[in-house]
Amino acid sequence: RLKTRLSRRRKVRRRGYLSVRRTLRKNLSTGGEPFKLVFRARRPERPEIVVLCDVSDSVRNVSRLMLQFVYTLQELYARVRSFVFVSDIGEVTHLFKNMDVSAAVDLATAGRVINLSANSNYGHALKLFRDTWLGSITRRTTVIVIGDGRTNYNPPNAWALADLKRRCRRLLWLCPEEQHSWGFGDSEMPLYARHCDRVESVRSVDDLGRVAAELMP
């Protein structure tokens, strides 16, 4: 359903922008018979998206939905890299490119890429991504972090997120918890939010669809 909605939106946008000036010129020169709309071609864009998705126990109830969202992004865009994390972080782009959604999500959550039995550690995962993959982030890259921001009382290492923010086009954080719970217990969402361009509470397909539609070129 999400993929269908976004694909339809994408087809509409490919027509380009309505050019009022060119439409007037075209129709005035022909007397308006027949009346034609003239569109100004869109400049080709190749969006780059990097997704970091929490698959720890604390988000187990929504992790499959979130990974299906990641899979959909890879289906729609050619330049998407996908990662999952608990304490360590690993790339799953190849799984989502070569398998159907169910098999890809199963493998991503089966411990084949990272140790899923480790205690959640956002700070370690962010630092590891920063140290290993920061060079792949450019001013064309949109970084999306998906997770609840619960650090298990480990150092949050928000500086690593700040480094990503300085390198990328924009940084979005999608949190499966309601905003009123941010900052309680081991939640570091208020701290992480300072280094994001936008933070959204997402708990349904409709929420994800709304955010994804805004990524459309």
N, C-alpha and C. Protein backbone atom coordinates (compact mmCIF):
# COMPACT_ATOMS: atom_id res chain seq x y z
N ARG A 1 0.83 -1.21 0.00
CA ARG A 1 0.00 0.00 0.00
C ARG A 1 0.86 1.26 0.00
N LEU A 2 1.92 1.27 0.82
CA LEU A 2 2.82 2.42 0.88
C LEU A 2 3.52 2.60 -0.46
N LYS A 3 4.02 1.50 -1.04
CA LYS A 3 4.73 1.59 -2.31
C LYS A 3 3.83 2.10 -3.42
N THR A 4 2.58 1.63 -3.47
CA THR A 4 1.63 2.07 -4.49
C THR A 4 1.36 3.56 -4.39
N ARG A 5 1.17 4.03 -3.16
CA ARG A 5 0.88 5.45 -2.94
C ARG A 5 2.04 6.33 -3.40
N LEU A 6 3.26 5.94 -3.06
CA LEU A 6 4.42 6.75 -3.41
C LEU A 6 4.71 6.67 -4.90
N SER A 7 4.50 5.50 -5.52
CA SER A 7 4.74 5.37 -6.95
C SER A 7 3.80 6.27 -7.74
N ARG A 8 2.54 6.35 -7.32
CA ARG A 8 1.57 7.22 -7.99
C ARG A 8 1.99 8.67 -7.88
N ARG A 9 2.44 9.07 -6.70
CA ARG A 9 2.88 10.45 -6.48
C ARG A 9 4.09 10.76 -7.35
N ARG A 10 4.97 9.76 -7.49
CA ARG A 10 6.17 9.97 -8.27
C ARG A 10 5.85 10.19 -9.75
N LYS A 11 4.89 9.43 -10.30
CA LYS A 11 4.51 9.58 -11.70
C LYS A 11 4.00 10.98 -11.97
N VAL A 12 3.20 11.54 -11.06
CA VAL A 12 2.67 12.89 -11.22
C VAL A 12 3.80 13.90 -11.24
N ARG A 13 4.76 13.72 -10.33
CA ARG A 13 5.82 14.71 -10.23
C ARG A 13 6.76 14.68 -11.43
N ARG A 14 6.85 13.52 -12.12
CA ARG A 14 7.75 13.43 -13.26
C ARG A 14 7.34 14.36 -14.40
N ARG A 15 6.07 14.78 -14.44
CA ARG A 15 5.63 15.67 -15.50
C ARG A 15 6.31 17.02 -15.40
N GLY A 16 6.75 17.39 -14.25
CA GLY A 16 7.40 18.67 -14.06
C GLY A 16 6.46 19.72 -13.49
N TYR A 17 6.87 20.97 -13.62
CA TYR A 17 6.11 22.08 -13.06
C TYR A 17 5.31 22.79 -14.16
N LEU A 18 4.10 23.19 -13.83
CA LEU A 18 3.30 23.96 -14.78
C LEU A 18 3.97 25.32 -15.00
N SER A 19 4.25 25.64 -16.27
CA SER A 19 4.83 26.93 -16.62
C SER A 19 3.72 27.85 -17.11
N VAL A 20 3.34 28.81 -16.28
CA VAL A 20 2.27 29.74 -16.65
C VAL A 20 2.69 30.57 -17.86
N ARG A 21 3.92 31.05 -17.86
CA ARG A 21 4.39 31.89 -18.96
C ARG A 21 4.37 31.14 -20.29
N ARG A 22 4.88 29.91 -20.29
CA ARG A 22 4.92 29.13 -21.53
C ARG A 22 3.52 28.69 -21.96
N THR A 23 2.65 28.42 -21.00
CA THR A 23 1.28 28.05 -21.33
C THR A 23 0.56 29.21 -22.01
N LEU A 24 0.73 30.42 -21.47
CA LEU A 24 0.11 31.60 -22.07
C LEU A 24 0.64 31.84 -23.48
N ARG A 25 1.96 31.77 -23.64
CA ARG A 25 2.56 32.02 -24.95
C ARG A 25 2.07 31.00 -25.98
N LYS A 26 2.04 29.74 -25.59
CA LYS A 26 1.62 28.68 -26.51
C LYS A 26 0.18 28.88 -26.96
N ASN A 27 -0.70 29.18 -26.02
CA ASN A 27 -2.12 29.26 -26.34
C ASN A 27 -2.50 30.57 -27.02
N LEU A 28 -1.78 31.65 -26.70
CA LEU A 28 -2.05 32.92 -27.39
C LEU A 28 -1.64 32.84 -28.85
N SER A 29 -0.57 32.09 -29.13
CA SER A 29 -0.10 31.98 -30.51
C SER A 29 -1.01 31.13 -31.38
N THR A 30 -1.82 30.28 -30.76
CA THR A 30 -2.72 29.40 -31.52
C THR A 30 -4.18 29.77 -31.35
N GLY A 31 -4.43 30.86 -30.65
CA GLY A 31 -5.80 31.26 -30.39
C GLY A 31 -6.50 30.40 -29.37
N GLY A 32 -5.71 29.58 -28.68
CA GLY A 32 -6.28 28.76 -27.62
C GLY A 32 -7.04 27.55 -28.11
N GLU A 33 -6.81 27.15 -29.37
CA GLU A 33 -7.51 25.99 -29.94
C GLU A 33 -6.50 24.95 -30.43
N PRO A 34 -6.38 23.78 -29.82
CA PRO A 34 -6.97 23.45 -28.50
C PRO A 34 -6.10 24.02 -27.39
N PHE A 35 -6.67 24.16 -26.21
CA PHE A 35 -5.92 24.71 -25.08
C PHE A 35 -4.98 23.64 -24.54
N LYS A 36 -3.72 23.99 -24.37
CA LYS A 36 -2.74 23.03 -23.89
C LYS A 36 -1.95 23.60 -22.71
N LEU A 37 -1.73 22.77 -21.74
CA LEU A 37 -0.87 23.13 -20.62
C LEU A 37 0.57 22.80 -20.99
N VAL A 38 1.48 23.68 -20.63
CA VAL A 38 2.90 23.45 -20.90
C VAL A 38 3.63 23.30 -19.58
N PHE A 39 4.38 22.21 -19.46
CA PHE A 39 5.10 21.94 -18.23
C PHE A 39 6.59 22.18 -18.44
N ARG A 40 7.20 22.75 -17.43
CA ARG A 40 8.65 22.95 -17.43
C ARG A 40 9.29 21.70 -16.84
N ALA A 41 10.21 21.13 -17.59
CA ALA A 41 10.81 19.86 -17.17
C ALA A 41 11.52 20.01 -15.83
N ARG A 42 11.36 19.00 -15.02
CA ARG A 42 12.07 18.99 -13.74
C ARG A 42 13.55 18.72 -13.98
N ARG A 43 14.39 19.36 -13.23
CA ARG A 43 15.81 19.06 -13.30
C ARG A 43 16.03 17.68 -12.69
N PRO A 44 16.73 16.80 -13.39
CA PRO A 44 16.93 15.45 -12.86
C PRO A 44 17.58 15.48 -11.48
N GLU A 45 17.04 14.72 -10.57
CA GLU A 45 17.60 14.63 -9.23
C GLU A 45 17.84 13.17 -8.90
N ARG A 46 18.92 12.90 -8.17
CA ARG A 46 19.21 11.54 -7.76
C ARG A 46 19.36 11.54 -6.24
N PRO A 47 18.27 11.40 -5.55
CA PRO A 47 18.33 11.48 -4.10
C PRO A 47 19.17 10.36 -3.51
N GLU A 48 19.96 10.69 -2.53
CA GLU A 48 20.74 9.71 -1.79
C GLU A 48 20.13 9.60 -0.40
N ILE A 49 19.82 8.40 0.00
CA ILE A 49 19.20 8.17 1.30
C ILE A 49 20.00 7.12 2.05
N VAL A 50 20.31 7.40 3.30
CA VAL A 50 20.96 6.43 4.19
C VAL A 50 20.05 6.24 5.40
N VAL A 51 19.69 5.00 5.68
CA VAL A 51 18.76 4.69 6.76
C VAL A 51 19.46 3.86 7.82
N LEU A 52 19.35 4.29 9.08
CA LEU A 52 19.86 3.53 10.23
C LEU A 52 18.66 3.10 11.06
N CYS A 53 18.42 1.79 11.16
CA CYS A 53 17.20 1.29 11.81
C CYS A 53 17.52 0.45 13.04
N ASP A 54 17.00 0.86 14.17
CA ASP A 54 17.13 0.14 15.44
C ASP A 54 16.30 -1.15 15.37
N VAL A 55 16.93 -2.29 15.70
CA VAL A 55 16.20 -3.56 15.73
C VAL A 55 16.34 -4.24 17.09
N SER A 56 16.54 -3.43 18.13
CA SER A 56 16.72 -3.97 19.48
C SER A 56 15.38 -4.41 20.07
N ASP A 57 15.44 -5.06 21.23
CA ASP A 57 14.23 -5.57 21.88
C ASP A 57 13.21 -4.49 22.16
N SER A 58 13.68 -3.28 22.48
CA SER A 58 12.75 -2.23 22.90
C SER A 58 11.84 -1.76 21.77
N VAL A 59 12.22 -2.05 20.53
CA VAL A 59 11.37 -1.66 19.39
C VAL A 59 10.92 -2.89 18.59
N ARG A 60 10.99 -4.04 19.21
CA ARG A 60 10.67 -5.28 18.49
C ARG A 60 9.27 -5.24 17.87
N ASN A 61 8.32 -4.62 18.59
CA ASN A 61 6.93 -4.61 18.11
C ASN A 61 6.75 -3.85 16.81
N VAL A 62 7.64 -2.90 16.54
CA VAL A 62 7.49 -2.08 15.33
C VAL A 62 8.64 -2.25 14.35
N SER A 63 9.65 -3.03 14.71
CA SER A 63 10.85 -3.11 13.87
C SER A 63 10.54 -3.70 12.49
N ARG A 64 9.63 -4.66 12.41
CA ARG A 64 9.30 -5.24 11.10
C ARG A 64 8.62 -4.20 10.20
N LEU A 65 7.72 -3.41 10.79
CA LEU A 65 7.07 -2.35 10.01
C LEU A 65 8.11 -1.35 9.51
N MET A 66 9.04 -0.99 10.38
CA MET A 66 10.06 -0.02 10.00
C MET A 66 10.96 -0.58 8.90
N LEU A 67 11.31 -1.86 9.00
CA LEU A 67 12.15 -2.47 7.98
C LEU A 67 11.41 -2.61 6.65
N GLN A 68 10.11 -2.83 6.70
CA GLN A 68 9.32 -2.85 5.47
C GLN A 68 9.34 -1.47 4.81
N PHE A 69 9.33 -0.43 5.63
CA PHE A 69 9.46 0.94 5.13
C PHE A 69 10.81 1.12 4.44
N VAL A 70 11.88 0.62 5.07
CA VAL A 70 13.21 0.71 4.49
C VAL A 70 13.25 -0.04 3.15
N TYR A 71 12.66 -1.21 3.12
CA TYR A 71 12.61 -2.01 1.89
C TYR A 71 11.91 -1.23 0.78
N THR A 72 10.81 -0.58 1.12
CA THR A 72 10.06 0.20 0.14
C THR A 72 10.90 1.33 -0.42
N LEU A 73 11.66 2.00 0.43
CA LEU A 73 12.54 3.07 -0.05
C LEU A 73 13.54 2.53 -1.06
N GLN A 74 14.11 1.35 -0.77
CA GLN A 74 15.08 0.77 -1.70
C GLN A 74 14.42 0.35 -3.02
N GLU A 75 13.15 -0.03 -2.97
CA GLU A 75 12.43 -0.38 -4.19
C GLU A 75 12.19 0.85 -5.06
N LEU A 76 11.98 2.00 -4.43
CA LEU A 76 11.64 3.22 -5.16
C LEU A 76 12.85 4.02 -5.62
N TYR A 77 13.95 3.92 -4.90
CA TYR A 77 15.12 4.72 -5.21
C TYR A 77 16.33 3.82 -5.45
N ALA A 78 17.19 4.27 -6.37
CA ALA A 78 18.38 3.48 -6.69
C ALA A 78 19.52 3.74 -5.72
N ARG A 79 19.49 4.87 -5.06
CA ARG A 79 20.63 5.27 -4.23
C ARG A 79 20.24 5.29 -2.75
N VAL A 80 19.96 4.11 -2.22
CA VAL A 80 19.61 3.96 -0.81
C VAL A 80 20.54 2.94 -0.18
N ARG A 81 21.10 3.30 0.97
CA ARG A 81 21.88 2.34 1.76
C ARG A 81 21.19 2.16 3.10
N SER A 82 21.09 0.91 3.52
CA SER A 82 20.32 0.58 4.72
C SER A 82 21.19 -0.15 5.74
N PHE A 83 21.01 0.24 7.01
CA PHE A 83 21.79 -0.34 8.10
C PHE A 83 20.85 -0.68 9.25
N VAL A 84 21.20 -1.74 10.00
CA VAL A 84 20.48 -2.07 11.23
C VAL A 84 21.48 -2.04 12.38
N PHE A 85 20.95 -1.73 13.57
CA PHE A 85 21.85 -1.67 14.73
C PHE A 85 21.14 -2.06 16.01
N VAL A 86 21.94 -2.53 16.97
CA VAL A 86 21.54 -2.71 18.37
C VAL A 86 22.62 -2.04 19.20
N SER A 87 23.81 -2.66 19.22
CA SER A 87 25.01 -2.03 19.75
C SER A 87 25.99 -1.84 18.59
N ASP A 88 26.26 -2.94 17.88
CA ASP A 88 26.99 -2.85 16.62
C ASP A 88 26.02 -2.41 15.52
N ILE A 89 26.58 -2.07 14.38
CA ILE A 89 25.76 -1.65 13.24
C ILE A 89 26.27 -2.36 12.00
N GLY A 90 25.36 -2.80 11.14
CA GLY A 90 25.76 -3.51 9.94
C GLY A 90 24.87 -3.14 8.76
N GLU A 91 25.44 -3.25 7.57
CA GLU A 91 24.70 -2.88 6.36
C GLU A 91 23.84 -4.04 5.86
N VAL A 92 22.61 -3.73 5.49
CA VAL A 92 21.68 -4.75 4.97
C VAL A 92 21.18 -4.39 3.57
N THR A 93 21.83 -3.43 2.93
CA THR A 93 21.41 -3.00 1.60
C THR A 93 21.31 -4.19 0.65
N HIS A 94 22.30 -5.08 0.70
CA HIS A 94 22.34 -6.23 -0.21
C HIS A 94 21.15 -7.17 0.00
N LEU A 95 20.71 -7.32 1.25
CA LEU A 95 19.56 -8.19 1.52
C LEU A 95 18.31 -7.64 0.86
N PHE A 96 18.10 -6.34 1.00
CA PHE A 96 16.89 -5.72 0.48
C PHE A 96 16.90 -5.59 -1.04
N LYS A 97 18.08 -5.66 -1.64
CA LYS A 97 18.15 -5.59 -3.10
C LYS A 97 17.90 -6.95 -3.75
N ASN A 98 18.28 -8.01 -3.06
CA ASN A 98 18.29 -9.33 -3.69
C ASN A 98 17.18 -10.27 -3.24
N MET A 99 16.35 -9.86 -2.28
CA MET A 99 15.33 -10.75 -1.75
C MET A 99 13.98 -10.06 -1.71
N ASP A 100 12.92 -10.87 -1.57
CA ASP A 100 11.61 -10.26 -1.37
C ASP A 100 11.52 -9.71 0.04
N VAL A 101 10.51 -8.90 0.29
CA VAL A 101 10.46 -8.14 1.54
C VAL A 101 10.43 -9.04 2.77
N SER A 102 9.67 -10.11 2.73
CA SER A 102 9.55 -10.97 3.90
C SER A 102 10.88 -11.64 4.24
N ALA A 103 11.55 -12.19 3.22
CA ALA A 103 12.84 -12.85 3.45
C ALA A 103 13.89 -11.85 3.91
N ALA A 104 13.90 -10.67 3.32
CA ALA A 104 14.89 -9.66 3.69
C ALA A 104 14.71 -9.21 5.14
N VAL A 105 13.47 -8.97 5.54
CA VAL A 105 13.21 -8.54 6.91
C VAL A 105 13.55 -9.67 7.89
N ASP A 106 13.23 -10.91 7.51
CA ASP A 106 13.55 -12.05 8.38
C ASP A 106 15.05 -12.12 8.63
N LEU A 107 15.85 -12.00 7.58
CA LEU A 107 17.30 -12.09 7.74
C LEU A 107 17.86 -10.89 8.50
N ALA A 108 17.30 -9.73 8.26
CA ALA A 108 17.78 -8.52 8.96
C ALA A 108 17.53 -8.59 10.45
N THR A 109 16.53 -9.38 10.86
CA THR A 109 16.18 -9.49 12.28
C THR A 109 16.54 -10.86 12.86
N ALA A 110 17.38 -11.60 12.14
CA ALA A 110 17.73 -12.95 12.58
C ALA A 110 19.15 -13.06 13.13
N GLY A 111 19.84 -11.93 13.24
CA GLY A 111 21.19 -11.97 13.78
C GLY A 111 22.25 -12.37 12.78
N ARG A 112 21.93 -12.33 11.50
CA ARG A 112 22.91 -12.70 10.47
C ARG A 112 23.90 -11.57 10.19
N VAL A 113 23.51 -10.35 10.50
CA VAL A 113 24.36 -9.19 10.18
C VAL A 113 25.02 -8.62 11.43
N ILE A 114 24.25 -8.53 12.52
CA ILE A 114 24.78 -8.03 13.79
C ILE A 114 24.29 -8.93 14.92
N ASN A 115 24.89 -8.76 16.09
CA ASN A 115 24.49 -9.52 17.28
C ASN A 115 23.24 -8.89 17.88
N LEU A 116 22.12 -9.59 17.77
CA LEU A 116 20.86 -9.04 18.28
C LEU A 116 20.68 -9.26 19.77
N SER A 117 21.50 -10.09 20.37
CA SER A 117 21.36 -10.36 21.81
C SER A 117 22.12 -9.35 22.66
N ALA A 118 22.86 -8.46 22.03
CA ALA A 118 23.60 -7.44 22.77
C ALA A 118 22.63 -6.43 23.38
N ASN A 119 23.09 -5.76 24.43
CA ASN A 119 22.30 -4.69 25.02
C ASN A 119 22.30 -3.48 24.09
N SER A 120 21.16 -2.82 24.00
CA SER A 120 21.04 -1.64 23.13
C SER A 120 22.05 -0.57 23.53
N ASN A 121 22.75 -0.02 22.53
CA ASN A 121 23.76 1.00 22.81
C ASN A 121 23.83 1.96 21.62
N TYR A 122 22.99 2.97 21.66
CA TYR A 122 22.94 3.96 20.57
C TYR A 122 24.28 4.66 20.39
N GLY A 123 24.91 5.01 21.50
CA GLY A 123 26.16 5.74 21.41
C GLY A 123 27.22 4.96 20.66
N HIS A 124 27.33 3.68 20.96
CA HIS A 124 28.32 2.84 20.28
C HIS A 124 27.98 2.70 18.80
N ALA A 125 26.70 2.48 18.49
CA ALA A 125 26.28 2.31 17.10
C ALA A 125 26.53 3.59 16.29
N LEU A 126 26.19 4.73 16.85
CA LEU A 126 26.41 6.00 16.14
C LEU A 126 27.89 6.27 15.93
N LYS A 127 28.70 6.01 16.95
CA LYS A 127 30.14 6.22 16.82
C LYS A 127 30.72 5.28 15.77
N LEU A 128 30.28 4.02 15.77
CA LEU A 128 30.78 3.06 14.80
C LEU A 128 30.40 3.46 13.38
N PHE A 129 29.18 3.93 13.19
CA PHE A 129 28.78 4.38 11.86
C PHE A 129 29.60 5.60 11.45
N ARG A 130 29.76 6.51 12.38
CA ARG A 130 30.53 7.72 12.09
C ARG A 130 31.96 7.37 11.71
N ASP A 131 32.59 6.47 12.45
CA ASP A 131 33.99 6.12 12.20
C ASP A 131 34.17 5.33 10.90
N THR A 132 33.16 4.56 10.52
CA THR A 132 33.29 3.65 9.38
C THR A 132 32.73 4.23 8.08
N TRP A 133 31.61 4.93 8.16
CA TRP A 133 30.90 5.31 6.93
C TRP A 133 30.70 6.82 6.75
N LEU A 134 31.27 7.64 7.61
CA LEU A 134 31.05 9.09 7.48
C LEU A 134 31.46 9.60 6.11
N GLY A 135 32.51 9.04 5.55
CA GLY A 135 32.99 9.49 4.25
C GLY A 135 32.02 9.28 3.11
N SER A 136 31.03 8.40 3.30
CA SER A 136 30.04 8.15 2.25
C SER A 136 28.88 9.14 2.29
N ILE A 137 28.83 9.98 3.33
CA ILE A 137 27.76 10.97 3.47
C ILE A 137 28.16 12.26 2.75
N THR A 138 27.28 12.77 1.89
CA THR A 138 27.57 13.99 1.14
C THR A 138 26.45 15.00 1.34
N ARG A 139 26.61 16.16 0.72
CA ARG A 139 25.58 17.20 0.82
C ARG A 139 24.31 16.84 0.05
N ARG A 140 24.32 15.72 -0.65
CA ARG A 140 23.10 15.24 -1.33
C ARG A 140 22.39 14.17 -0.51
N THR A 141 22.97 13.77 0.61
CA THR A 141 22.45 12.63 1.37
C THR A 141 21.43 13.06 2.42
N THR A 142 20.29 12.37 2.42
CA THR A 142 19.34 12.48 3.52
C THR A 142 19.56 11.28 4.43
N VAL A 143 19.86 11.53 5.69
CA VAL A 143 20.06 10.46 6.67
C VAL A 143 18.78 10.32 7.49
N ILE A 144 18.29 9.09 7.60
CA ILE A 144 17.09 8.80 8.40
C ILE A 144 17.46 7.82 9.50
N VAL A 145 17.29 8.23 10.74
CA VAL A 145 17.48 7.33 11.88
C VAL A 145 16.10 6.89 12.35
N ILE A 146 15.92 5.58 12.51
CA ILE A 146 14.64 5.04 12.97
C ILE A 146 14.87 4.31 14.28
N GLY A 147 14.29 4.81 15.37
CA GLY A 147 14.47 4.16 16.66
C GLY A 147 13.95 5.01 17.79
N ASP A 148 13.93 4.41 18.98
CA ASP A 148 13.33 5.09 20.14
C ASP A 148 14.30 5.95 20.94
N GLY A 149 15.60 5.92 20.58
CA GLY A 149 16.57 6.75 21.28
C GLY A 149 16.84 6.33 22.71
N ARG A 150 16.51 5.10 23.07
CA ARG A 150 16.75 4.60 24.43
C ARG A 150 18.12 3.94 24.48
N THR A 151 19.02 4.53 25.26
CA THR A 151 20.43 4.18 25.22
C THR A 151 20.85 3.11 26.21
N ASN A 152 19.90 2.62 27.02
CA ASN A 152 20.24 1.64 28.06
C ASN A 152 21.25 2.24 29.04
N TYR A 153 21.18 3.56 29.21
CA TYR A 153 22.03 4.33 30.13
C TYR A 153 23.51 4.31 29.73
N ASN A 154 23.79 4.00 28.48
CA ASN A 154 25.15 4.12 27.96
C ASN A 154 25.38 5.55 27.47
N PRO A 155 26.65 5.96 27.33
CA PRO A 155 26.92 7.31 26.80
C PRO A 155 26.23 7.50 25.45
N PRO A 156 25.47 8.58 25.27
CA PRO A 156 24.70 8.75 24.03
C PRO A 156 25.55 9.11 22.81
N ASN A 157 26.75 9.66 23.04
CA ASN A 157 27.63 10.05 21.93
C ASN A 157 26.89 10.88 20.88
N ALA A 158 26.18 11.89 21.34
CA ALA A 158 25.44 12.75 20.42
C ALA A 158 26.37 13.50 19.47
N TRP A 159 27.64 13.63 19.84
CA TRP A 159 28.60 14.30 18.96
C TRP A 159 28.74 13.56 17.63
N ALA A 160 28.58 12.22 17.66
CA ALA A 160 28.67 11.45 16.42
C ALA A 160 27.50 11.79 15.50
N LEU A 161 26.32 11.98 16.09
CA LEU A 161 25.16 12.40 15.30
C LEU A 161 25.37 13.81 14.75
N ALA A 162 25.98 14.67 15.56
CA ALA A 162 26.27 16.03 15.12
C ALA A 162 27.22 16.03 13.92
N ASP A 163 28.19 15.11 13.92
CA ASP A 163 29.10 15.00 12.78
C ASP A 163 28.34 14.60 11.51
N LEU A 164 27.39 13.68 11.65
CA LEU A 164 26.57 13.29 10.50
C LEU A 164 25.76 14.49 9.99
N LYS A 165 25.21 15.24 10.92
CA LYS A 165 24.39 16.40 10.56
C LYS A 165 25.19 17.41 9.76
N ARG A 166 26.44 17.62 10.13
CA ARG A 166 27.27 18.59 9.43
C ARG A 166 27.60 18.14 8.01
N ARG A 167 27.60 16.84 7.77
CA ARG A 167 27.99 16.31 6.46
C ARG A 167 26.82 16.16 5.49
N CYS A 168 25.61 15.93 6.01
CA CYS A 168 24.51 15.53 5.14
C CYS A 168 23.65 16.71 4.71
N ARG A 169 22.74 16.44 3.79
CA ARG A 169 21.79 17.45 3.34
C ARG A 169 20.78 17.74 4.45
N ARG A 170 20.23 16.67 5.04
CA ARG A 170 19.33 16.81 6.17
C ARG A 170 19.30 15.51 6.94
N LEU A 171 18.93 15.62 8.20
CA LEU A 171 18.91 14.46 9.09
C LEU A 171 17.53 14.36 9.73
N LEU A 172 16.85 13.25 9.48
CA LEU A 172 15.52 13.01 10.03
C LEU A 172 15.59 11.87 11.04
N TRP A 173 14.79 11.99 12.10
CA TRP A 173 14.70 10.90 13.09
C TRP A 173 13.23 10.52 13.22
N LEU A 174 12.95 9.24 13.01
CA LEU A 174 11.60 8.71 13.15
C LEU A 174 11.55 7.86 14.40
N CYS A 175 10.75 8.30 15.37
CA CYS A 175 10.69 7.63 16.68
C CYS A 175 9.35 6.93 16.84
N PRO A 176 9.35 5.64 17.20
CA PRO A 176 8.08 4.91 17.37
C PRO A 176 7.38 5.17 18.70
N GLU A 177 7.95 6.04 19.54
CA GLU A 177 7.32 6.38 20.81
C GLU A 177 6.61 7.73 20.70
N GLU A 178 5.54 7.88 21.47
CA GLU A 178 4.87 9.17 21.54
C GLU A 178 5.81 10.21 22.16
N GLN A 179 5.67 11.45 21.74
CA GLN A 179 6.59 12.49 22.17
C GLN A 179 6.58 12.72 23.68
N HIS A 180 5.45 12.47 24.33
CA HIS A 180 5.38 12.72 25.77
C HIS A 180 6.28 11.77 26.57
N SER A 181 6.77 10.69 25.95
CA SER A 181 7.64 9.76 26.66
C SER A 181 9.12 10.04 26.43
N TRP A 182 9.42 10.97 25.54
CA TRP A 182 10.82 11.29 25.26
C TRP A 182 11.46 11.95 26.48
N GLY A 183 12.67 11.53 26.80
CA GLY A 183 13.40 12.13 27.91
C GLY A 183 13.19 11.45 29.24
N PHE A 184 12.30 10.46 29.31
CA PHE A 184 12.08 9.74 30.55
C PHE A 184 12.88 8.44 30.55
N GLY A 185 13.36 8.05 31.74
CA GLY A 185 14.16 6.84 31.84
C GLY A 185 15.45 6.98 31.06
N ASP A 186 15.73 6.00 30.20
CA ASP A 186 16.98 6.04 29.44
C ASP A 186 16.82 6.67 28.06
N SER A 187 15.71 7.38 27.85
CA SER A 187 15.48 8.03 26.56
C SER A 187 16.34 9.28 26.41
N GLU A 188 17.10 9.33 25.32
CA GLU A 188 17.93 10.50 25.00
C GLU A 188 17.38 11.25 23.79
N MET A 189 16.08 11.07 23.52
CA MET A 189 15.50 11.72 22.35
C MET A 189 15.64 13.25 22.37
N PRO A 190 15.42 13.92 23.52
CA PRO A 190 15.58 15.38 23.50
C PRO A 190 16.99 15.81 23.10
N LEU A 191 18.01 15.04 23.54
CA LEU A 191 19.39 15.36 23.18
C LEU A 191 19.63 15.10 21.70
N TYR A 192 19.21 13.95 21.22
CA TYR A 192 19.42 13.64 19.81
C TYR A 192 18.65 14.60 18.90
N ALA A 193 17.49 15.03 19.35
CA ALA A 193 16.66 15.92 18.53
C ALA A 193 17.36 17.24 18.21
N ARG A 194 18.25 17.67 19.10
CA ARG A 194 18.98 18.93 18.87
C ARG A 194 19.83 18.87 17.62
N HIS A 195 20.21 17.67 17.21
CA HIS A 195 21.11 17.52 16.06
C HIS A 195 20.37 17.04 14.82
N CYS A 196 19.05 17.10 14.84
CA CYS A 196 18.24 16.67 13.69
C CYS A 196 17.53 17.86 13.06
N ASP A 197 17.31 17.77 11.76
CA ASP A 197 16.50 18.79 11.10
C ASP A 197 15.02 18.60 11.42
N ARG A 198 14.66 17.35 11.69
CA ARG A 198 13.26 17.06 11.96
C ARG A 198 13.16 15.75 12.73
N VAL A 199 12.26 15.71 13.71
CA VAL A 199 12.00 14.49 14.47
C VAL A 199 10.49 14.25 14.44
N GLU A 200 10.10 13.02 14.11
CA GLU A 200 8.68 12.69 13.99
C GLU A 200 8.38 11.44 14.81
N SER A 201 7.21 11.42 15.44
CA SER A 201 6.69 10.20 16.05
C SER A 201 5.92 9.44 14.99
N VAL A 202 6.36 8.22 14.69
CA VAL A 202 5.71 7.42 13.65
C VAL A 202 5.33 6.07 14.22
N ARG A 203 4.06 5.72 14.07
CA ARG A 203 3.57 4.48 14.67
C ARG A 203 2.67 3.68 13.73
N SER A 204 2.54 4.12 12.48
CA SER A 204 1.64 3.44 11.55
C SER A 204 2.12 3.61 10.12
N VAL A 205 1.50 2.86 9.21
CA VAL A 205 1.82 2.98 7.79
C VAL A 205 1.50 4.38 7.29
N ASP A 206 0.40 4.96 7.77
CA ASP A 206 0.04 6.31 7.34
C ASP A 206 1.09 7.33 7.77
N ASP A 207 1.61 7.17 9.00
CA ASP A 207 2.66 8.07 9.47
C ASP A 207 3.90 7.96 8.58
N LEU A 208 4.29 6.73 8.27
CA LEU A 208 5.46 6.51 7.44
C LEU A 208 5.24 7.04 6.02
N GLY A 209 4.03 6.84 5.50
CA GLY A 209 3.72 7.31 4.16
C GLY A 209 3.82 8.82 4.05
N ARG A 210 3.37 9.51 5.10
CA ARG A 210 3.42 10.97 5.10
C ARG A 210 4.87 11.45 5.05
N VAL A 211 5.73 10.82 5.84
CA VAL A 211 7.13 11.22 5.87
C VAL A 211 7.81 10.86 4.55
N ALA A 212 7.56 9.65 4.06
CA ALA A 212 8.21 9.20 2.83
C ALA A 212 7.83 10.06 1.64
N ALA A 213 6.58 10.49 1.58
CA ALA A 213 6.13 11.32 0.46
C ALA A 213 6.91 12.62 0.38
N GLU A 214 7.36 13.11 1.52
CA GLU A 214 8.12 14.37 1.54
C GLU A 214 9.55 14.17 1.07
N LEU A 215 9.98 12.91 0.94
CA LEU A 215 11.31 12.64 0.43
C LEU A 215 11.33 12.58 -1.09
N MET A 216 10.13 12.58 -1.70
CA MET A 216 10.03 12.41 -3.14
C MET A 216 10.71 13.56 -3.86
N PRO A 217 11.55 13.25 -4.87
CA PRO A 217 12.20 14.31 -5.63
C PRO A 217 11.23 14.97 -6.60
